[in-house]
Amino acid sequence: MNHARLLTDQAIALLEDAVIHVLLKNARERGRHDYIRAADIGKEMGTYENTETAKSPGRIHRKILDKLEDDHRVECSWSKSGKQRNGWRLTDAEWNRLTLPE
C-alpha cells in the first residue's frame, strides 16, 4: 500500500470516529432513540457549509454517514414519502458495542 493511500484510509477512519462521536453524544444527551439531522452532524464536526463558495470540505459527513450505514453502524429515519432522510442514529449493535462493558 502506498503512503498516500494509507493517509487517506487513516483520514476516513478519523472522520468515521467523528461522526460516531457526534451520534453517541446526541444519544446520551437526547435519548438513545433520538435522530439527529445530517446538517447538525456536519455543523458539530465543522464540515457543513451551506454556501456555494464554501472553503470547508463541504458535506463530507454525508459520504461518511453513507459508508457507516453500509457498515451497519448507523441508521437513518426516512420521511413518510420515503424519499428523504430525516435524521441519523447509531444502530443497536453499535450502541451496544460502544456502551456495554466488556
Protein backbone atom coordinates (compact mmCIF):
# COMPACT_ATOMS: atom_id res chain seq x y z
CA MET A 1 0.00 0.00 0.00
CA ASN A 2 1.38 3.39 -0.87
CA HIS A 3 1.76 6.20 1.64
CA ALA A 4 -0.95 8.42 0.13
CA ARG A 5 -3.49 5.60 0.33
CA LEU A 6 -2.52 4.88 3.92
CA LEU A 7 -3.04 8.53 4.85
CA THR A 8 -6.42 8.53 3.10
CA ASP A 9 -7.53 5.40 4.96
CA GLN A 10 -6.47 6.99 8.26
CA ALA A 11 -8.35 10.21 7.45
CA ILE A 12 -11.53 8.29 6.61
CA ALA A 13 -11.25 6.33 9.86
CA LEU A 14 -10.91 9.59 11.80
CA LEU A 15 -13.96 11.06 10.05
CA GLU A 16 -15.92 7.91 10.87
CA ASP A 17 -14.90 8.26 14.52
CA ALA A 18 -16.01 11.91 14.48
CA VAL A 19 -19.48 11.02 13.15
CA ILE A 20 -19.84 8.18 15.67
CA HIS A 21 -18.76 10.55 18.46
CA VAL A 22 -21.44 13.11 17.48
CA LEU A 23 -24.12 10.39 17.32
CA LEU A 24 -23.07 8.89 20.65
CA LYS A 25 -23.07 12.32 22.29
CA ASN A 26 -26.53 13.01 20.85
CA ALA A 27 -27.84 9.67 22.11
CA ARG A 28 -26.54 10.32 25.60
CA GLU A 29 -27.91 13.88 25.74
CA ARG A 30 -31.26 13.47 23.99
CA GLY A 31 -32.08 9.81 24.33
CA ARG A 32 -30.91 6.58 22.77
CA HIS A 33 -33.53 6.51 20.01
CA ASP A 34 -33.41 10.17 19.00
CA TYR A 35 -32.28 11.02 15.48
CA ILE A 36 -30.05 13.96 14.53
CA ARG A 37 -30.05 15.68 11.14
CA ALA A 38 -27.04 15.24 8.88
CA ALA A 39 -26.62 19.03 8.74
CA ASP A 40 -26.36 19.15 12.53
CA ILE A 41 -23.77 16.36 12.48
CA GLY A 42 -21.79 18.33 9.92
CA LYS A 43 -22.07 21.54 11.95
CA GLU A 44 -20.78 19.73 15.04
CA MET A 45 -17.87 18.32 13.01
CA GLY A 46 -17.16 21.57 11.20
CA THR A 47 -17.77 20.04 7.75
CA TYR A 48 -21.09 21.67 6.97
CA GLU A 49 -21.27 24.70 4.72
CA ASN A 50 -24.48 25.88 3.14
CA THR A 51 -22.97 28.20 0.56
CA GLU A 52 -21.64 27.65 -2.95
CA THR A 53 -18.34 29.37 -2.11
CA ALA A 54 -17.59 27.32 0.99
CA LYS A 55 -13.95 26.63 1.71
CA SER A 56 -14.57 23.67 4.05
CA PRO A 57 -14.81 20.02 2.98
CA GLY A 58 -18.49 20.74 2.34
CA ARG A 59 -20.73 17.82 3.12
CA ILE A 60 -18.17 15.07 3.51
CA HIS A 61 -20.05 13.97 6.63
CA ARG A 62 -22.83 12.77 4.26
CA LYS A 63 -20.45 10.41 2.47
CA ILE A 64 -19.20 9.14 5.81
CA LEU A 65 -22.78 8.56 7.01
CA ASP A 66 -23.47 6.55 3.84
CA LYS A 67 -20.36 4.44 4.46
CA LEU A 68 -21.27 3.87 8.11
CA GLU A 69 -24.79 2.88 7.04
CA ASP A 70 -23.32 0.35 4.60
CA ASP A 71 -21.23 -0.97 7.51
CA HIS A 72 -24.43 -1.26 9.65
CA ARG A 73 -23.08 1.14 12.28
CA VAL A 74 -25.69 3.88 11.79
CA GLU A 75 -29.26 4.00 10.54
CA CYS A 76 -31.48 6.72 9.19
CA SER A 77 -35.07 7.80 9.58
CA TRP A 78 -36.97 8.30 6.31
CA SER A 79 -39.69 10.81 5.54
CA LYS A 80 -43.22 9.49 5.10
CA SER A 81 -42.74 9.55 1.33
CA GLY A 82 -39.56 7.51 1.71
CA LYS A 83 -37.63 9.96 -0.45
CA GLN A 84 -35.74 11.97 2.16
CA ARG A 85 -33.63 11.09 5.16
CA ASN A 86 -34.77 12.98 8.25
CA GLY A 87 -32.06 12.01 10.70
CA TRP A 88 -29.43 9.55 11.83
CA ARG A 89 -28.64 7.48 14.91
CA LEU A 90 -26.44 4.60 15.98
CA THR A 91 -27.70 1.09 15.28
CA ASP A 92 -28.50 -1.04 18.31
CA ALA A 93 -25.40 -3.14 17.64
CA GLU A 94 -23.14 -0.07 17.50
CA TRP A 95 -24.73 1.42 20.61
CA ASN A 96 -24.16 -1.84 22.48
CA ARG A 97 -20.58 -2.13 21.24
CA LEU A 98 -19.81 1.39 22.45
CA THR A 99 -21.66 1.38 25.77
CA LEU A 100 -21.77 -2.15 27.19
CA PRO A 101 -18.89 -3.17 29.45
CA GLU A 102 -16.73 -5.94 28.07
